[in-house]
């Protein structure tokens, strides 16, 4: 605020009754008062001009920020989209090894990983070249290296060996030959019983069963080489002291085993004698140094690696709005990729081989080298501040946005630049002219005050900017997780055939997911391609939606199971589908019940499950809740949050045409009058709310936010003609008319012996999603949602990426064994 006018009042008269003489002290005080008044006037005026200048500059920064803000979010979302399946695959693989009691310290044990991981590499990575590797018994455990003073002492003591006579390893390389044809090469150690100088032998593999095409004696013998991929993996395990299923990416290395040379990184999990995957709580205990159970010796590591040359093509394909972007490994300052695909990430050595990594300032590109001299002239990239600012690069003014991509120790510093003239025009010129004029006119009066304002304001702004940045990042992460729910299968669709379901005893059904997995009765559809092939073969998914009638017993009651079996016959008769082609999705069979993390992934995949469903059947016979004694019927079913979520997801994905209500003598089709109350998800009942959140400090309603956020993103995209469905249009009209009713910003939360408080639910996430959609092109929306936009010209030929082959109408040929058989896909 400006100083008050009476704060610098002067005496009305400086004369005293002393014969008309004016005392020197009075004159001095008057002059000081006048001067002080002038200073205050000048300061007020100068501060006004300064605020004008600051406002203009803030407007420029805001304009630049809005122009550039979506790019880092899209980079983060799209890269995690490529990397997340590696983590999920390794976690599921460890569970498979544990279920099968595989001894991972032996050659027979680790060889089983080849048949599990190799199909995943082919189906998931496509033409991104990749590899998988396993190595055991070479000093991975802390106890192995402690006698040598640590891992470095162990390396020094074994320069030419692995330090363990039991060492074995296996590698599979996916690449292409000189003509661009895909190749699969296996590299395994020579002696299956182990050797501390075990040689590596490479042999071509067939691309169906992954068996060697030549005898081991005819393979290429590399000797007992400690290759770069193995060295960096071994060191990462010790650097991070990886605990049971602690996933980490390795530092980026130069890869020269298959040509051309390039940069590469690996996703790694340690292998312990006990391959059990810890729960979230157990994992925290391991990290805190309090193991909840003994995992045994850390015998080795399992990795999936991929070449990073796809990054440049990915960055170049983005809508950069006239800008330029590049990525640098934060810890080492190694240049990784840029949106100019002609820029090399390696330089020739003295022999002319492309083996030398580059720092950004040495890259032969003016935008990269010029900006690197501004940002990190000493090539120290680990201390870069993530911010938007204006800089001069090669004599040109650029808006520069620095951002960090961080994912399980893979940290890439991003630099995004757009020329100032692209963002600003007349606003920049006017703001600069007025600001310079104000500074010149008011420098004399406001200098002292300006210094104080700058110092105090800068410190305050810096603190606020840091807080705001963290808040924005947390918001972006939550929105990104919601976008993932909009399109991806975070956890596989797990089914049991109708034939098996009909003949299982009720007690066998209550063995849940884990029990039927051990019996080999579950079918796993890990990807959209597998779902597509499944449906092309005539397979149909029946989704059973019902209300749990007990707090202590999992799954449907005896009567509900009876109705489920009857409804399968009714559905087959009504639709004319052979019951042998029906597969059941039932929550206790489809979702692991002993792993909280897997449950969350399955909840987040609800829309993907619904969109793949052929029939959605509500099971709600008359009954009573075991604990409360309350009636359990169709009305109580409609009053539950989870059943409403399932109905909304199904309606949004498929409309009412595939939705049925089971009755004693058949099936009844849904109608809109029945569905409409269920659209009010957050007005429904939840067990945790009824029990006043006993023993938990969160509400299950909060776990519904991410899938609903993803659904809202999809509905907004449909308003842009991306992935349009009639049911989606209808649902958008209903929700958008009363958004606070259907997607409330806050909700009331009550705990036992505690007050009722208002907590955030969606907060401003709905508006944030709207702004993101507004700032994305239709192509970017379609990419995030994995939807193909209509293209001009003839459609591309189909590419089969899954190794599932069966004739239409022969869904029984799908592999339906234990969880280890997911390798068939």
Foldseek 3Di string as FASTA:
>chain_A
DQDDPPPLDDDPDQDDPPPGDGDPVSVVVVVVSVVVVLLSVLQVLLVVLVVLLVVLVVVLQVLVCLQQVCVVLLVQLVVCVLVVVVLVLVQLVLVVCLLVLAQLLFLVRVVLVCLQCLLVCLQRVPQFWKKKKKKWFQQLFQVSCVVLVADVSSCVVCVQWSSGQQIWMKMWTWHADPVRHIWIKIWIWDDRRGGRFTWIWIFTADSARRDGPDDSVPTDTPTSDCDPVNVQQSVVCRVVVADQSQKAKTPWFWDVPDPDIAIKIKIKHWDFSNSDHDFPVQVVCVVVVRHPDDRHGRTIMIIMMTGQLVVLVVQLPDPLLQKWKFKAFQQQQFGHYIVPSVWGQFAADPVGRRHHGDHQLPTPDQVRNQVCCVQPVVSNRNPGDAAWDWDAGPNFIKTWGWDWRDDRHRIMIMIMIHGSCSSDDVSVVVSVVSSVVSCVVSCVSNVVVVVVCCVVVVVVVVVVVVVVVVVVVVLSVLLSLLLCLLAFQLAWFKWFALVVLLPDDPVQVQVFQVSVLSFLRIFTDHGPLSLVVLVQQPAAEEEEQEDAQEPPGDDDDPVLSVLVNVALVQVCVVVVRDSRRYIYRGPRNRFPPPHPVRVLSNLSNLLVVLLSHQAYEYRWPWDARPPPRHITGPVLSLQALVSLLNLLSNCLNPNQPRYWYGDPVHTDTDDCVSNVSSLQRVRGDDPCVVQLNPPHDDDVLLSNQSNVSSLLLVLLLVVVVQPHDPSSVVSCVVCVVPVCRRQNQWDWGGHVVGDIDIDGRCNCSSVVSVSSSVSDDNVSSCVSNVHDDDDPDDDDDDDNSAQDDDHRNPSVSRRRTRSSVVSND
